[in-house]
Amino acid sequence: MEWTERRIRVEGSLELWALLFMKVLAQQLVQRGYNGKRISHPRNGGLYVYEQGC
């Protein structure tokens, strides 16, 4: 496997984990009483604001 192919695989894996982390984090915030926009497809560089008990 070439270096570029390995790099693409690693970068793709990191993106997948980042998306999964954002979804789990949003779920946990909602469970703990925070309100904010639901994240179905997180955008790169997007700002997500959650406020407690609004």
N, C-alpha and C. Protein backbone atom coordinates (compact mmCIF):
# COMPACT_ATOMS: atom_id res chain seq x y z
N MET A 1 0.85 -1.17 0.00
CA MET A 1 0.00 0.00 0.00
C MET A 1 0.90 1.24 0.00
N GLU A 2 0.56 2.18 -0.81
CA GLU A 2 1.36 3.39 -0.91
C GLU A 2 1.06 4.33 0.26
N TRP A 3 2.01 5.25 0.48
CA TRP A 3 1.88 6.20 1.58
C TRP A 3 0.62 7.03 1.45
N THR A 4 0.28 7.46 0.24
CA THR A 4 -0.90 8.31 0.05
C THR A 4 -2.18 7.54 0.34
N GLU A 5 -2.23 6.27 0.00
CA GLU A 5 -3.41 5.46 0.29
C GLU A 5 -3.58 5.29 1.78
N ARG A 6 -2.48 5.07 2.49
CA ARG A 6 -2.55 4.94 3.95
C ARG A 6 -3.00 6.24 4.59
N ARG A 7 -2.50 7.34 4.08
CA ARG A 7 -2.88 8.65 4.63
C ARG A 7 -4.37 8.90 4.46
N ILE A 8 -4.90 8.55 3.30
CA ILE A 8 -6.34 8.73 3.05
C ILE A 8 -7.15 7.87 4.01
N ARG A 9 -6.72 6.65 4.26
CA ARG A 9 -7.43 5.77 5.19
C ARG A 9 -7.43 6.35 6.60
N VAL A 10 -6.28 6.84 7.05
CA VAL A 10 -6.18 7.41 8.39
C VAL A 10 -7.03 8.66 8.51
N GLU A 11 -6.96 9.55 7.53
CA GLU A 11 -7.76 10.77 7.58
C GLU A 11 -9.25 10.45 7.56
N GLY A 12 -9.66 9.47 6.77
CA GLY A 12 -11.06 9.06 6.75
C GLY A 12 -11.51 8.50 8.08
N SER A 13 -10.64 7.74 8.73
CA SER A 13 -10.96 7.19 10.04
C SER A 13 -11.10 8.29 11.08
N LEU A 14 -10.21 9.28 11.02
CA LEU A 14 -10.28 10.40 11.97
C LEU A 14 -11.56 11.19 11.78
N GLU A 15 -11.96 11.41 10.54
CA GLU A 15 -13.20 12.14 10.28
C GLU A 15 -14.40 11.36 10.83
N LEU A 16 -14.40 10.06 10.64
CA LEU A 16 -15.50 9.24 11.14
C LEU A 16 -15.59 9.33 12.66
N TRP A 17 -14.45 9.22 13.35
CA TRP A 17 -14.46 9.30 14.81
C TRP A 17 -14.89 10.67 15.30
N ALA A 18 -14.49 11.73 14.59
CA ALA A 18 -14.89 13.08 14.98
C ALA A 18 -16.41 13.25 14.85
N LEU A 19 -16.98 12.72 13.79
CA LEU A 19 -18.43 12.80 13.60
C LEU A 19 -19.16 12.01 14.68
N LEU A 20 -18.66 10.83 14.98
CA LEU A 20 -19.28 10.01 16.03
C LEU A 20 -19.19 10.71 17.38
N PHE A 21 -18.03 11.30 17.68
CA PHE A 21 -17.85 12.02 18.93
C PHE A 21 -18.84 13.17 19.06
N MET A 22 -19.02 13.93 17.99
CA MET A 22 -19.95 15.07 18.02
C MET A 22 -21.38 14.60 18.29
N LYS A 23 -21.78 13.50 17.66
CA LYS A 23 -23.14 13.00 17.87
C LYS A 23 -23.34 12.53 19.31
N VAL A 24 -22.37 11.81 19.84
CA VAL A 24 -22.48 11.31 21.22
C VAL A 24 -22.45 12.47 22.21
N LEU A 25 -21.59 13.45 21.97
CA LEU A 25 -21.51 14.61 22.84
C LEU A 25 -22.85 15.36 22.86
N ALA A 26 -23.45 15.56 21.71
CA ALA A 26 -24.74 16.25 21.63
C ALA A 26 -25.82 15.47 22.37
N GLN A 27 -25.84 14.16 22.23
CA GLN A 27 -26.81 13.33 22.94
C GLN A 27 -26.64 13.46 24.45
N GLN A 28 -25.41 13.44 24.93
CA GLN A 28 -25.14 13.55 26.35
C GLN A 28 -25.55 14.93 26.90
N LEU A 29 -25.30 15.97 26.14
CA LEU A 29 -25.70 17.31 26.58
C LEU A 29 -27.21 17.41 26.72
N VAL A 30 -27.95 16.86 25.76
CA VAL A 30 -29.41 16.89 25.83
C VAL A 30 -29.90 16.08 27.03
N GLN A 31 -29.31 14.93 27.30
CA GLN A 31 -29.69 14.12 28.45
C GLN A 31 -29.43 14.84 29.77
N ARG A 32 -28.45 15.72 29.79
CA ARG A 32 -28.10 16.44 31.02
C ARG A 32 -28.81 17.78 31.15
N GLY A 33 -29.78 18.03 30.28
CA GLY A 33 -30.61 19.21 30.43
C GLY A 33 -30.22 20.42 29.60
N TYR A 34 -29.35 20.24 28.65
CA TYR A 34 -28.96 21.35 27.79
C TYR A 34 -29.83 21.36 26.54
N ASN A 35 -30.12 22.55 26.03
CA ASN A 35 -30.90 22.69 24.81
C ASN A 35 -30.02 23.25 23.71
N GLY A 36 -30.22 22.73 22.51
CA GLY A 36 -29.45 23.20 21.37
C GLY A 36 -29.90 22.50 20.11
N LYS A 37 -29.28 22.88 19.02
CA LYS A 37 -29.63 22.31 17.72
C LYS A 37 -29.22 20.84 17.66
N ARG A 38 -30.12 20.02 17.14
CA ARG A 38 -29.79 18.60 16.96
C ARG A 38 -28.78 18.46 15.83
N ILE A 39 -27.82 17.57 16.02
CA ILE A 39 -26.78 17.36 15.02
C ILE A 39 -27.04 16.05 14.30
N SER A 40 -27.41 16.14 13.02
CA SER A 40 -27.58 14.92 12.24
C SER A 40 -26.36 14.69 11.36
N HIS A 41 -25.85 15.77 10.78
CA HIS A 41 -24.63 15.70 9.96
C HIS A 41 -23.74 16.88 10.33
N PRO A 42 -22.84 16.69 11.28
CA PRO A 42 -21.97 17.79 11.70
C PRO A 42 -21.16 18.36 10.54
N ARG A 43 -21.08 19.67 10.48
CA ARG A 43 -20.33 20.35 9.43
C ARG A 43 -18.94 20.71 9.95
N ASN A 44 -17.98 20.63 9.09
CA ASN A 44 -16.62 21.00 9.44
C ASN A 44 -16.56 22.48 9.79
N GLY A 45 -16.06 22.81 10.96
CA GLY A 45 -15.92 24.20 11.37
C GLY A 45 -17.21 24.83 11.87
N GLY A 46 -18.27 24.03 12.03
CA GLY A 46 -19.54 24.55 12.50
C GLY A 46 -19.53 24.82 14.00
N LEU A 47 -20.30 25.81 14.43
CA LEU A 47 -20.41 26.14 15.83
C LEU A 47 -21.77 25.65 16.33
N TYR A 48 -21.75 24.87 17.38
CA TYR A 48 -22.97 24.34 17.97
C TYR A 48 -23.06 24.84 19.40
N VAL A 49 -24.13 25.59 19.71
CA VAL A 49 -24.28 26.19 21.02
C VAL A 49 -25.37 25.45 21.77
N TYR A 50 -25.04 25.06 23.01
CA TYR A 50 -26.00 24.42 23.90
C TYR A 50 -26.09 25.25 25.16
N GLU A 51 -27.32 25.51 25.60
CA GLU A 51 -27.54 26.30 26.81
C GLU A 51 -28.29 25.44 27.80
N GLN A 52 -27.99 25.63 29.07
CA GLN A 52 -28.60 24.82 30.10
C GLN A 52 -29.96 25.37 30.50
N GLY A 53 -30.96 24.49 30.49
CA GLY A 53 -32.29 24.77 31.02
C GLY A 53 -33.03 25.95 30.44
N CYS A 54 -32.95 26.21 29.17
CA CYS A 54 -33.68 27.33 28.57
C CYS A 54 -35.10 26.95 28.30
